[in-house]
Protein backbone atom coordinates (compact mmCIF):
# COMPACT_ATOMS: atom_id res chain seq x y z
CA UNK A 1 -10.76 18.95 -1.89
CA UNK A 2 -11.64 14.98 -2.43
CA UNK A 3 -9.39 12.11 -0.78
CA UNK A 4 -7.61 11.62 -4.68
CA UNK A 5 -6.56 15.49 -4.90
CA UNK A 6 -5.22 15.55 -1.44
CA UNK A 7 -2.48 13.03 -2.25
CA UNK A 8 -2.06 14.16 -6.05
CA UNK A 9 2.07 14.77 -5.90
CA UNK A 10 2.58 13.82 -2.62
CA UNK A 11 4.06 11.38 -0.51
CA UNK A 12 2.04 8.57 1.25
CA UNK A 13 3.60 6.95 4.13
CA UNK A 14 3.23 3.40 5.05
CA UNK A 15 2.73 2.70 8.57
CA UNK A 16 2.86 -1.24 9.38
CA UNK A 17 4.73 -3.52 11.39
CA UNK A 18 5.25 -7.51 11.79
CA UNK A 19 7.03 -9.15 14.57
CA UNK A 20 9.54 -8.45 16.54
CA UNK A 21 8.83 -4.92 15.76
CA UNK A 22 7.83 -2.72 18.98
CA UNK A 23 5.69 -0.77 16.91
CA UNK A 24 3.19 -3.34 16.98
CA UNK A 25 0.51 -2.07 19.44
CA UNK A 26 -1.62 0.80 18.52
CA UNK A 27 -0.28 3.89 20.47
CA UNK A 28 3.35 3.23 19.22
CA UNK A 29 2.14 2.73 15.58
CA UNK A 30 0.44 6.33 16.17
CA UNK A 31 3.74 8.11 17.43
CA UNK A 32 5.18 6.90 13.86
CA UNK A 33 2.35 7.96 11.81
CA UNK A 34 2.22 11.10 13.63
CA UNK A 35 5.98 11.47 12.75
CA UNK A 36 5.15 10.77 9.54
CA UNK A 37 2.64 13.63 9.15
CA UNK A 38 5.01 15.81 10.73
CA UNK A 39 7.68 15.27 8.04
CA UNK A 40 5.61 16.33 5.22
CA UNK A 41 3.25 12.82 4.63
CA UNK A 42 -0.25 14.09 2.65
CA UNK A 43 -1.50 10.32 3.18
CA UNK A 44 -0.79 7.04 5.10
CA UNK A 45 -1.36 3.97 4.34
CA UNK A 46 -1.94 1.47 7.50
CA UNK A 47 -2.61 -2.50 8.03
CA UNK A 48 -5.31 -3.32 10.56
CA UNK A 49 -8.77 -2.08 11.46
CA UNK A 50 -7.11 -0.78 15.03
CA UNK A 51 -4.33 1.15 13.24
CA UNK A 52 -6.52 2.41 10.26
CA UNK A 53 -8.56 3.81 13.03
CA UNK A 54 -6.24 5.38 15.00
CA UNK A 55 -4.48 7.08 11.93
CA UNK A 56 -8.13 8.31 10.62
CA UNK A 57 -7.52 10.76 13.29
CA UNK A 58 -4.32 12.57 12.14
CA UNK A 59 -6.08 14.32 9.73
CA UNK A 60 -4.73 13.23 6.42
CA UNK A 61 -6.50 10.75 4.49
CA UNK A 62 -5.48 6.65 5.37
CA UNK A 63 -5.54 4.02 3.03
CA UNK A 64 -6.64 1.02 4.56
CA UNK A 65 -5.83 -2.75 3.93
CA UNK A 66 -5.97 -6.04 5.45
CA UNK A 67 -3.63 -8.56 5.62
CA UNK A 68 -4.12 -12.25 6.29
CA UNK A 69 -3.98 -16.09 4.82
CA UNK A 70 -6.95 -17.63 3.81
CA UNK A 71 -7.00 -21.63 2.79
CA UNK A 72 -7.07 -21.85 -0.49
CA UNK A 73 -6.25 -18.72 -1.84
CA UNK A 74 -3.05 -16.57 -2.47
CA UNK A 75 -4.47 -13.14 -2.12
CA UNK A 76 -3.20 -11.69 1.01
CA UNK A 77 -4.17 -7.90 0.98
CA UNK A 78 -7.39 -7.44 1.70
CA UNK A 79 -9.01 -11.00 0.42
CA UNK A 80 -12.75 -10.74 1.13
CA UNK A 81 -15.71 -8.13 0.94
CA UNK A 82 -16.07 -8.21 4.44
CA UNK A 83 -12.52 -6.87 4.67
CA UNK A 84 -13.33 -3.59 2.95
CA UNK A 85 -16.49 -3.13 5.14
CA UNK A 86 -14.16 -3.61 7.98
CA UNK A 87 -12.05 -1.16 6.69
CA UNK A 88 -14.43 2.02 5.80
CA UNK A 89 -16.17 1.10 9.23
CA UNK A 90 -12.37 1.98 10.79
CA UNK A 91 -12.25 5.23 8.42
CA UNK A 92 -10.25 4.45 5.87
CA UNK A 93 -11.08 6.90 2.77
CA UNK A 94 -8.98 4.72 0.46
CA UNK A 95 -9.56 0.73 0.48
CA UNK A 96 -6.60 -1.21 -0.64
CA UNK A 97 -6.44 -4.76 -2.15
CA UNK A 98 -4.96 -7.48 -4.39
CA UNK A 99 -6.08 -6.85 -7.48
CA UNK A 100 -4.15 -9.70 -8.97
CA UNK A 101 -6.75 -11.70 -10.61
CA UNK A 102 -5.51 -14.40 -8.35
CA UNK A 103 -8.14 -16.57 -6.93
CA UNK A 104 -9.90 -14.99 -3.84
CA UNK A 105 -11.59 -17.12 -1.02
CA UNK A 106 -15.10 -18.00 -1.36
CA UNK A 107 -15.10 -17.12 -5.33
CA UNK A 108 -15.65 -13.34 -4.18
CA UNK A 109 -14.65 -11.36 -7.40
CA UNK A 110 -13.04 -7.96 -7.42
CA UNK A 111 -16.01 -5.99 -8.49
CA UNK A 112 -17.81 -7.25 -5.14
CA UNK A 113 -14.71 -5.71 -3.08
CA UNK A 114 -14.97 -2.39 -5.61
CA UNK A 115 -18.76 -2.10 -4.53
CA UNK A 116 -18.35 -2.74 -1.06
CA UNK A 117 -15.78 0.39 -0.62
CA UNK A 118 -17.72 2.52 -2.69
CA UNK A 119 -20.70 1.75 -0.52
CA UNK A 120 -18.99 2.45 3.04
CA UNK A 121 -17.95 5.86 1.15
CA UNK A 122 -14.35 4.69 0.08
CA UNK A 123 -12.16 5.03 -2.47
CA UNK A 124 -10.95 1.71 -4.48
CA UNK A 125 -7.09 1.08 -4.83
CA UNK A 126 -6.01 -1.82 -6.79
CA UNK A 127 -2.96 -3.08 -5.49
CA UNK A 128 -1.73 -4.98 -9.20
CA UNK A 129 1.25 -6.68 -10.62
CA UNK A 130 1.12 -5.73 -14.04
CA UNK A 131 -0.28 -3.73 -17.10
CA UNK A 132 -2.94 -6.28 -17.20
CA UNK A 133 -4.32 -6.29 -13.86
CA UNK A 134 -4.24 -2.48 -14.03
CA UNK A 135 -6.38 -2.48 -17.17
CA UNK A 136 -8.97 -5.20 -15.69
CA UNK A 137 -8.75 -3.44 -12.48
CA UNK A 138 -9.88 0.00 -14.25
CA UNK A 139 -12.33 -2.53 -16.56
CA UNK A 140 -14.06 -3.34 -12.71
CA UNK A 141 -14.51 0.43 -11.48
CA UNK A 142 -11.16 0.70 -9.33
CA UNK A 143 -10.58 4.46 -8.58
CA UNK A 144 -6.85 4.22 -8.47
CA UNK A 145 -4.15 1.84 -8.98
CA UNK A 146 -0.89 1.02 -7.41
CA UNK A 147 2.09 -0.84 -8.57
CA UNK A 148 2.35 -2.53 -4.90
CA UNK A 149 2.47 -6.18 -5.91
CA UNK A 150 4.60 -5.99 -8.91
CA UNK A 151 7.39 -8.53 -8.64
CA UNK A 152 5.95 -10.18 -5.53
CA UNK A 153 3.37 -12.72 -7.74
CA UNK A 154 6.01 -14.52 -10.21
CA UNK A 155 7.70 -17.07 -7.81
CA UNK A 156 10.82 -15.47 -8.67
CA UNK A 157 13.29 -13.89 -6.17
CA UNK A 158 11.55 -10.20 -5.75
CA UNK A 159 13.63 -7.25 -7.67
CA UNK A 160 15.57 -5.20 -5.41
CA UNK A 161 14.78 -1.95 -7.35
CA UNK A 162 11.15 -0.77 -7.82
CA UNK A 163 9.39 -0.89 -11.28
CA UNK A 164 9.09 2.74 -12.24
CA UNK A 165 8.73 1.15 -15.55
CA UNK A 166 5.44 -0.19 -14.88
CA UNK A 167 4.77 2.97 -13.56
CA UNK A 168 5.06 5.14 -16.91
CA UNK A 169 3.22 2.05 -18.77
CA UNK A 170 0.05 2.07 -16.48
CA UNK A 171 0.24 5.62 -16.46
CA UNK A 172 -0.22 5.52 -20.42
CA UNK A 173 -2.77 3.50 -20.81
CA UNK A 174 -5.18 4.10 -17.64
CA UNK A 175 -7.68 6.61 -16.85
CA UNK A 176 -7.46 6.73 -13.11
CA UNK A 177 -4.35 7.47 -10.85
CA UNK A 178 -1.37 5.39 -10.41
CA UNK A 179 -0.11 5.13 -7.44
CA UNK A 180 3.90 4.17 -7.36
CA UNK A 181 4.42 1.65 -4.17
CA UNK A 182 6.65 -1.24 -3.72
CA UNK A 183 10.72 -1.12 -2.61
CA UNK A 184 10.76 2.97 -2.78
CA UNK A 185 14.15 3.67 -0.86
CA UNK A 186 15.42 6.94 -2.57
CA UNK A 187 13.97 10.31 -3.11
CA UNK A 188 15.95 10.05 -6.18
CA UNK A 189 13.52 6.91 -6.76
CA UNK A 190 10.23 8.84 -5.41
CA UNK A 191 11.56 11.95 -8.32
CA UNK A 192 11.64 8.95 -11.22
CA UNK A 193 8.30 7.81 -10.38
CA UNK A 194 6.59 11.01 -10.45
CA UNK A 195 8.63 11.81 -13.86
CA UNK A 196 6.89 8.40 -14.79
CA UNK A 197 3.18 9.81 -14.21
CA UNK A 198 2.79 8.74 -10.56
CA UNK A 199 0.06 10.56 -9.04
CA UNK A 200 1.54 9.44 -5.58
CA UNK A 201 4.14 7.47 -4.26
CA UNK A 202 3.85 5.34 -0.79
CA UNK A 203 7.30 4.70 0.93
CA UNK A 204 7.10 2.47 4.01
CA UNK A 205 10.09 0.17 4.99
CA UNK A 206 12.87 3.22 3.91
CA UNK A 207 10.85 5.43 6.17
CA UNK A 208 8.92 3.57 8.94
CA UNK A 209 10.80 0.59 9.33
CA UNK A 210 13.72 1.14 11.84
CA UNK A 211 14.26 -2.55 12.74
CA UNK A 212 15.29 -2.74 8.61
CA UNK A 213 16.87 0.44 8.15
CA UNK A 214 19.18 -0.41 11.69
CA UNK A 215 19.61 -4.19 10.06
CA UNK A 216 21.74 -2.57 6.74
CA UNK A 217 23.70 -0.59 8.55
CA UNK A 218 24.80 -3.03 11.22
CA UNK A 219 25.75 -5.55 8.16
CA UNK A 220 27.93 -3.16 6.50
CA UNK A 221 30.22 -3.12 9.45
CA UNK A 222 32.87 -5.43 10.43
CA UNK A 223 31.27 -7.32 12.98
CA UNK A 224 27.98 -7.88 12.22
CA UNK A 225 24.77 -8.91 14.53
CA UNK A 226 24.65 -12.84 14.74
CA UNK A 227 20.96 -13.51 14.06
CA UNK A 228 18.67 -14.63 16.90
């Protein structure tokens, strides 16, 4: 079974953390990822070489990315070809990168990153913000398209709900698998994305961020916690 077929019609769990989460270190993140696999995740999405390397030992495909800021470029998810090579070397079976068409550091092109992923034996997942970006990414050679960045590049407030309509629009126009991702919080939303043609659905914060989940419940209480 190829890597895309392994996640078809299945759930992928994004296991990532940021300060001040205690899950930032590799052993704790591996525990989180292992729990996701035990719960039925058919794949994982991980950030950073160390986490991707650890997740690749859990027996399911890993979508790898590197998040970092670079001077003069708004691209934050896997900005460079060198990042792609590092991820394939760490065991990522799929490499995800910003494919919104925004300028990359050093003038690198999306096609360069796709070539690097394929050279490392991985598929390339284009994280897009709309239909036009998805079509351009497929033309450049992307193997999968994800709705990861929908709602995050307009400079306006990020919507609360996932862009399920975009999943349908891309699915109808693009000949490659469409991965629904971004703000999926409920099983009903996941089911709706599959109804619109999603190949797989990625859920992150709702499953793998206990800090955020606890905060949502805590702020529903009469005496909310005081922000430090």
